[in-house]
Amino acid sequence: MKILILPGLGRTANELSLFCERAFQALGHETDSAVYNDRRVSARLPWLKGAEAVYSRRRLFRLIATSSPDFILAVKVDLLGGEAVRAIRQTFGVPMANYWIDDPYSLGVSTELSPHYDIFFTNARQCLDAHRDAGASNPRFLSFGYDPGTHRALALTPAEQERYCSDLCFSGTITPQRLRVLERLAGFDLKIWSPPIVTILGDDYQTNTRAVPASSPAYTKFTGEPVWGEQMVRVFNASKIVLNLHTHDAATMRDFEAPACGAFLLSDYVGELENQYHVGEEIACFRSDDEAVEMASMFLGDAERRTAIAKAGYRRVVDNYSYEARMREALVALEEIVR
């Protein structure tokens, strides 16, 4: 089978698209990929918006005609509107799916898109009914995973260990809720791999930012730099505890990437984690800021138990949650609609 992958804009969508592409290739499929962006120029020169939209759509149609895919997977693509999706399906007779990774935060956006695809994969199980109510014919739940070529245990050099090590680490965008928890944990040896900027999430991807005040207990814990890919993997390998702090009630990429590196994951509780792990045996979860402090202290003082849970979490992820496994799920959904 030949699969065309359309990455959405942004580093996360591009990274996930690469993981999906590698997974399909490992499963024996041929792949091609191309970013659809009809705002590359018009974002700076608005008067070119119409012309760029026409050009970008024609370019995409030429690519599909040349590539002749059997399946098109868009990964967090929101710029390709419903009319264009329908036109592709009608013109080329190829099934299309969107792997959406921002529910429930962006449910208002995703429910506008989902009715136009043959399959709409959402990262949030509880959003399936909302997509059905919006008119989606085949919404499916598809969670995240790990990429074996990226997320793995590493033997760090002494210099790397010194640079990246800490008792606790957090990597990700800083929201007010996350900052609150991190401030409670500031008494520990904590590294926050992010610029000291707070992002306030609004509707329809609208965000505002403000600086973390120097008076914040967590201010001196910021490294000033985000980490991605190999650098993030080194951070996870060097840290005794990897923190994950959710912004909504849905599992995130970190929930699988950290255990795949052999790291001990301490997360705030979201219900989906119960479906993916034996909580308390493979990962640890807290339900309040006070419990976060208590559990961090407890697990830092019990290396044997921390290591046992990390090993069990690693086994769970490696045995079940590779992106190959996730893409098999996607292909099963595809087979069901093309029979």
Protein backbone atom coordinates (compact mmCIF):
# COMPACT_ATOMS: atom_id res chain seq x y z
CA MET A 1 0.00 0.00 0.00
CA LYS A 2 1.14 3.55 -0.70
CA ILE A 3 0.34 6.09 2.00
CA LEU A 4 0.56 9.86 1.65
CA ILE A 5 1.10 11.67 4.94
CA LEU A 6 0.14 15.33 5.24
CA PRO A 7 1.75 16.88 8.35
CA GLY A 8 0.02 19.82 9.98
CA LEU A 9 1.88 22.95 10.89
CA GLY A 10 4.04 23.09 13.99
CA ARG A 11 6.85 21.03 15.41
CA THR A 12 4.67 18.53 17.24
CA ALA A 13 2.64 17.65 14.12
CA ASN A 14 5.80 17.33 12.04
CA GLU A 15 7.46 15.10 14.64
CA LEU A 16 4.40 12.87 14.97
CA SER A 17 4.10 12.65 11.17
CA LEU A 18 7.67 11.38 11.00
CA PHE A 19 6.91 8.74 13.62
CA CYS A 20 3.84 7.62 11.66
CA GLU A 21 5.82 7.50 8.42
CA ARG A 22 8.55 5.36 10.00
CA ALA A 23 5.89 3.05 11.43
CA PHE A 24 4.17 2.55 8.08
CA GLN A 25 7.52 1.83 6.45
CA ALA A 26 8.36 -0.71 9.16
CA LEU A 27 5.02 -2.38 8.40
CA GLY A 28 6.09 -2.73 4.77
CA HIS A 29 4.20 0.19 3.20
CA GLU A 30 5.50 2.83 0.81
CA THR A 31 5.11 6.41 2.00
CA ASP A 32 5.28 9.95 0.72
CA SER A 33 4.75 13.18 2.64
CA ALA A 34 4.12 16.85 1.99
CA VAL A 35 3.15 19.78 4.21
CA TYR A 36 0.01 21.65 3.16
CA ASN A 37 0.33 25.32 4.05
CA ASP A 38 -1.77 27.91 2.23
CA ARG A 39 -0.62 30.71 4.54
CA ARG A 40 3.14 30.59 4.12
CA VAL A 41 3.19 33.89 2.22
CA SER A 42 -0.24 35.39 2.90
CA ALA A 43 0.35 35.34 6.66
CA ARG A 44 2.78 38.20 5.96
CA LEU A 45 1.06 39.57 2.85
CA PRO A 46 -2.70 39.18 3.46
CA TRP A 47 -3.66 40.50 0.04
CA LEU A 48 -2.22 37.29 -1.45
CA LYS A 49 -4.49 35.01 0.60
CA GLY A 50 -6.83 34.06 -2.24
CA ALA A 51 -4.08 33.44 -4.77
CA GLU A 52 -2.01 31.41 -2.35
CA ALA A 53 -5.00 29.26 -1.42
CA VAL A 54 -5.65 28.44 -5.09
CA TYR A 55 -1.96 27.73 -5.75
CA SER A 56 -1.57 25.53 -2.65
CA ARG A 57 -4.65 23.50 -3.47
CA ARG A 58 -3.55 22.94 -7.08
CA ARG A 59 -0.10 21.94 -5.87
CA LEU A 60 -1.61 19.40 -3.47
CA PHE A 61 -3.85 17.95 -6.20
CA ARG A 62 -0.83 17.58 -8.53
CA LEU A 63 1.06 15.81 -5.76
CA ILE A 64 -1.79 13.37 -5.17
CA ALA A 65 -2.13 12.71 -8.89
CA THR A 66 1.61 12.02 -9.17
CA SER A 67 1.90 9.99 -5.97
CA SER A 68 -1.26 7.90 -6.53
CA PRO A 69 -1.69 6.95 -2.87
CA ASP A 70 -4.04 4.26 -1.62
CA PHE A 71 -4.60 6.14 1.64
CA ILE A 72 -4.05 9.72 2.80
CA LEU A 73 -3.37 10.43 6.48
CA ALA A 74 -3.44 14.05 7.60
CA VAL A 75 -1.77 14.63 10.96
CA LYS A 76 -3.34 17.52 12.88
CA VAL A 77 -4.21 19.29 9.63
CA ASP A 78 -6.69 22.13 10.08
CA LEU A 79 -5.89 24.39 7.10
CA LEU A 80 -7.33 21.93 4.61
CA GLY A 81 -11.04 22.75 4.78
CA GLY A 82 -13.97 20.44 4.35
CA GLU A 83 -14.62 21.44 0.74
CA ALA A 84 -11.04 20.58 -0.23
CA VAL A 85 -11.16 17.25 1.61
CA ARG A 86 -14.39 16.30 -0.16
CA ALA A 87 -12.93 17.33 -3.50
CA ILE A 88 -9.87 15.12 -2.96
CA ARG A 89 -11.99 12.14 -2.02
CA GLN A 90 -14.30 12.62 -5.02
CA THR A 91 -11.57 13.39 -7.55
CA PHE A 92 -9.14 10.63 -6.63
CA GLY A 93 -11.38 8.08 -4.91
CA VAL A 94 -8.85 7.70 -2.12
CA PRO A 95 -9.88 7.35 1.56
CA MET A 96 -8.70 10.13 3.87
CA ALA A 97 -8.19 10.23 7.61
CA ASN A 98 -7.12 12.94 10.03
CA TYR A 99 -5.09 12.01 13.12
CA TRP A 100 -6.17 14.79 15.47
CA ILE A 101 -4.08 15.34 18.60
CA ASP A 102 -5.58 18.42 20.28
CA ASP A 103 -8.92 17.24 21.65
CA PRO A 104 -10.64 18.19 23.90
CA TYR A 105 -8.94 21.61 23.89
CA SER A 106 -9.67 22.22 20.19
CA LEU A 107 -12.99 20.38 19.98
CA GLY A 108 -14.64 23.39 18.36
CA VAL A 109 -12.11 23.17 15.51
CA SER A 110 -11.99 19.40 15.20
CA THR A 111 -15.78 18.91 15.06
CA GLU A 112 -15.86 21.27 12.07
CA LEU A 113 -13.34 19.02 10.31
CA SER A 114 -14.33 15.49 11.31
CA PRO A 115 -17.53 15.14 9.20
CA HIS A 116 -15.52 15.55 5.98
CA TYR A 117 -13.11 12.64 6.47
CA ASP A 118 -13.65 8.93 5.91
CA ILE A 119 -12.04 8.35 9.30
CA PHE A 120 -11.32 10.89 12.02
CA PHE A 121 -8.92 9.77 14.73
CA THR A 122 -9.17 11.72 17.96
CA ASN A 123 -6.68 11.52 20.82
CA ALA A 124 -9.49 11.89 23.39
CA ARG A 125 -11.81 8.94 23.85
CA GLN A 126 -14.47 11.07 25.55
CA CYS A 127 -14.80 13.24 22.41
CA LEU A 128 -16.10 10.45 20.15
CA ASP A 129 -19.76 11.27 20.81
CA ALA A 130 -19.16 14.95 20.05
CA HIS A 131 -17.71 14.00 16.66
CA ARG A 132 -20.63 11.69 15.94
CA ASP A 133 -23.07 14.44 16.88
CA ALA A 134 -21.21 16.79 14.53
CA GLY A 135 -21.79 14.38 11.65
CA ALA A 136 -18.55 12.38 11.52
CA SER A 137 -19.32 9.01 9.95
CA ASN A 138 -16.39 7.13 11.45
CA PRO A 139 -14.68 8.74 14.43
CA ARG A 140 -12.11 6.54 16.16
CA PHE A 141 -9.97 6.87 19.25
CA LEU A 142 -6.23 6.66 18.58
CA SER A 143 -3.76 7.45 21.33
CA PHE A 144 -0.05 8.24 21.16
CA GLY A 145 2.93 5.93 21.33
CA TYR A 146 6.70 5.85 21.09
CA ASP A 147 9.17 5.78 18.21
CA PRO A 148 11.82 3.07 18.77
CA GLY A 149 14.45 5.02 16.87
CA THR A 150 13.97 8.05 19.11
CA HIS A 151 12.57 7.11 22.50
CA ARG A 152 14.95 4.66 24.13
CA ALA A 153 17.28 4.12 27.06
CA LEU A 154 20.72 5.67 26.53
CA ALA A 155 24.12 5.42 28.15
CA LEU A 156 24.99 9.08 28.72
CA THR A 157 28.50 10.47 28.79
CA PRO A 158 29.64 12.10 32.05
CA ALA A 159 29.27 15.51 30.39
CA GLU A 160 25.71 14.72 29.27
CA GLN A 161 24.80 13.40 32.69
CA GLU A 162 26.05 16.57 34.34
CA ARG A 163 24.24 18.82 31.87
CA TYR A 164 20.88 17.09 31.88
CA CYS A 165 20.55 15.45 35.29
CA SER A 166 18.09 16.45 38.01
CA ASP A 167 15.86 14.72 40.51
CA LEU A 168 12.73 16.00 38.77
CA CYS A 169 12.32 17.35 35.25
CA PHE A 170 9.50 18.83 33.23
CA SER A 171 9.52 19.50 29.49
CA GLY A 172 6.68 21.31 27.76
CA THR A 173 4.69 24.48 27.35
CA ILE A 174 4.06 26.28 30.63
CA THR A 175 0.41 27.00 31.38
CA PRO A 176 -0.92 28.63 34.58
CA GLN A 177 -2.02 25.23 35.91
CA ARG A 178 1.37 23.67 35.21
CA LEU A 179 3.21 26.59 36.77
CA ARG A 180 1.14 26.22 39.93
CA VAL A 181 2.22 22.58 40.35
CA LEU A 182 5.84 23.33 39.45
CA GLU A 183 5.94 26.09 42.05
CA ARG A 184 4.85 23.57 44.68
CA LEU A 185 7.72 21.30 43.55
CA ALA A 186 10.32 24.06 43.48
CA GLY A 187 11.86 22.88 46.73
CA PHE A 188 13.25 19.83 44.94
CA ASP A 189 16.18 19.54 42.54
CA LEU A 190 13.94 20.44 39.58
CA LYS A 191 14.76 21.45 36.02
CA ILE A 192 12.07 23.00 33.85
CA TRP A 193 13.12 22.66 30.23
CA SER A 194 11.30 25.66 28.82
CA PRO A 195 11.66 29.42 28.52
CA PRO A 196 10.14 31.19 31.55
CA ILE A 197 6.99 32.08 29.62
CA VAL A 198 3.42 31.22 30.58
CA THR A 199 0.99 30.46 27.75
CA ILE A 200 -2.71 31.05 28.36
CA LEU A 201 -4.77 28.83 26.07
CA GLY A 202 -7.88 30.38 24.55
CA ASP A 203 -10.53 29.23 22.09
CA ASP A 204 -9.71 28.33 18.48
CA TYR A 205 -5.95 28.24 19.07
CA GLN A 206 -5.87 31.79 20.40
CA THR A 207 -3.13 32.18 23.00
CA ASN A 208 -1.67 34.90 25.16
CA THR A 209 1.68 34.84 26.88
CA ARG A 210 3.27 36.46 29.88
CA ALA A 211 6.63 36.16 31.57
CA VAL A 212 7.04 34.03 34.66
CA PRO A 213 7.67 36.63 37.37
CA ALA A 214 11.07 36.59 39.04
CA SER A 215 9.21 36.26 42.35
CA SER A 216 7.88 32.82 41.35
CA PRO A 217 9.36 29.99 43.47
CA ALA A 218 9.97 28.12 40.21
CA TYR A 219 11.71 30.98 38.39
CA THR A 220 15.27 29.77 39.00
CA LYS A 221 14.32 26.25 37.92
CA PHE A 222 13.82 27.23 34.29
CA THR A 223 16.66 26.25 31.95
CA GLY A 224 15.50 28.81 29.39
CA GLU A 225 15.43 26.30 26.56
CA PRO A 226 12.88 23.75 25.32
CA VAL A 227 14.04 20.24 24.48
CA TRP A 228 12.87 18.04 21.61
CA GLY A 229 13.88 14.76 20.04
CA GLU A 230 17.29 13.44 21.01
CA GLN A 231 17.88 16.20 23.55
CA MET A 232 14.58 15.45 25.30
CA VAL A 233 15.49 11.75 25.38
CA ARG A 234 18.77 12.62 27.11
CA VAL A 235 16.90 14.69 29.69
CA PHE A 236 14.55 11.78 30.41
CA ASN A 237 17.47 9.36 30.72
CA ALA A 238 19.30 11.67 33.12
CA SER A 239 16.37 12.43 35.45
CA LYS A 240 15.20 10.39 38.43
CA ILE A 241 11.57 11.46 37.93
CA VAL A 242 9.94 12.76 34.75
CA LEU A 243 6.88 14.89 35.41
CA ASN A 244 3.91 15.09 33.09
CA LEU A 245 1.27 17.74 33.74
CA HIS A 246 -1.83 17.62 31.55
CA THR A 247 -3.77 20.65 30.40
CA HIS A 248 -6.91 18.61 29.65
CA ASP A 249 -8.38 15.21 30.43
CA ALA A 250 -6.49 13.25 27.77
CA ALA A 251 -3.22 11.35 27.57
CA THR A 252 -0.33 13.12 25.86
CA MET A 253 2.80 12.09 23.98
CA ARG A 254 4.94 12.35 27.13
CA ASP A 255 2.86 9.63 28.79
CA PHE A 256 4.45 7.13 26.40
CA GLU A 257 7.76 8.74 25.49
CA ALA A 258 9.13 8.96 29.04
CA PRO A 259 8.52 5.31 30.01
CA ALA A 260 9.93 4.22 26.62
CA CYS A 261 13.20 5.87 27.70
CA GLY A 262 13.20 3.78 30.87
CA ALA A 263 12.23 6.80 32.96
CA PHE A 264 9.99 6.87 36.01
CA LEU A 265 6.84 8.84 35.13
CA LEU A 266 5.02 10.88 37.78
CA SER A 267 1.90 12.44 36.32
CA ASP A 268 -1.20 14.23 37.41
CA TYR A 269 -4.16 11.88 37.11
CA VAL A 270 -6.26 11.72 33.95
CA GLY A 271 -8.73 8.92 33.38
CA GLU A 272 -7.24 7.67 30.11
CA LEU A 273 -4.06 6.60 31.91
CA GLU A 274 -6.10 3.85 33.60
CA ASN A 275 -6.81 2.44 30.12
CA GLN A 276 -3.14 2.47 29.14
CA TYR A 277 -1.34 1.49 32.36
CA HIS A 278 -1.66 -0.21 35.71
CA VAL A 279 -1.42 3.04 37.65
CA GLY A 280 0.74 2.64 40.74
CA GLU A 281 2.58 -0.32 39.22
CA GLU A 282 3.81 1.02 35.84
CA ILE A 283 3.51 4.77 36.37
CA ALA A 284 2.58 6.94 39.37
CA CYS A 285 -0.18 9.54 39.47
CA PHE A 286 -1.15 12.27 41.92
CA ARG A 287 -4.55 13.89 42.34
CA SER A 288 -3.62 17.12 44.12
CA ASP A 289 -0.70 19.53 44.46
CA ASP A 290 -0.07 18.29 48.00
CA GLU A 291 0.03 14.69 46.79
CA ALA A 292 2.50 15.68 44.04
CA VAL A 293 4.92 16.92 46.70
CA GLU A 294 4.35 13.86 48.88
CA MET A 295 4.85 11.40 46.02
CA ALA A 296 7.94 13.17 44.67
CA SER A 297 9.52 13.00 48.12
CA MET A 298 8.48 9.38 48.64
CA PHE A 299 9.81 8.09 45.32
CA LEU A 300 13.05 10.05 45.52
CA GLY A 301 13.64 8.31 48.83
CA ASP A 302 12.81 4.84 47.51
CA ALA A 303 15.07 4.11 44.54
CA GLU A 304 14.20 0.41 44.53
CA ARG A 305 10.46 0.99 44.15
CA ARG A 306 11.02 3.82 41.67
CA THR A 307 13.18 1.58 39.50
CA ALA A 308 10.69 -1.29 39.65
CA ILE A 309 7.83 0.93 38.48
CA ALA A 310 10.01 2.44 35.73
CA LYS A 311 10.93 -1.04 34.46
CA ALA A 312 7.29 -2.13 34.45
CA GLY A 313 6.25 1.04 32.61
CA TYR A 314 9.01 0.50 30.06
CA ARG A 315 7.83 -3.05 29.43
CA ARG A 316 4.21 -1.94 29.04
CA VAL A 317 5.09 0.70 26.45
CA VAL A 318 7.64 -1.30 24.48
CA ASP A 319 5.38 -4.35 24.26
CA ASN A 320 2.18 -2.51 23.37
CA TYR A 321 2.45 1.14 22.37
CA SER A 322 4.89 1.61 19.50
CA TYR A 323 3.70 3.76 16.63
CA GLU A 324 3.77 0.57 14.56
CA ALA A 325 1.05 -0.74 16.86
CA ARG A 326 -0.88 2.52 16.62
CA MET A 327 -0.65 2.56 12.81
CA ARG A 328 -1.86 -1.04 12.72
CA GLU A 329 -4.94 0.23 14.54
CA ALA A 330 -5.34 2.92 11.89
CA LEU A 331 -5.07 0.37 9.08
CA VAL A 332 -7.64 -1.90 10.73
CA ALA A 333 -10.04 1.06 10.73
CA LEU A 334 -9.24 1.64 7.06
CA GLU A 335 -9.87 -2.00 6.17
CA GLU A 336 -13.29 -1.84 7.81
CA ILE A 337 -14.47 1.00 5.59
CA VAL A 338 -13.07 -0.28 2.28
CA ARG A 339 -14.30 -3.86 2.48
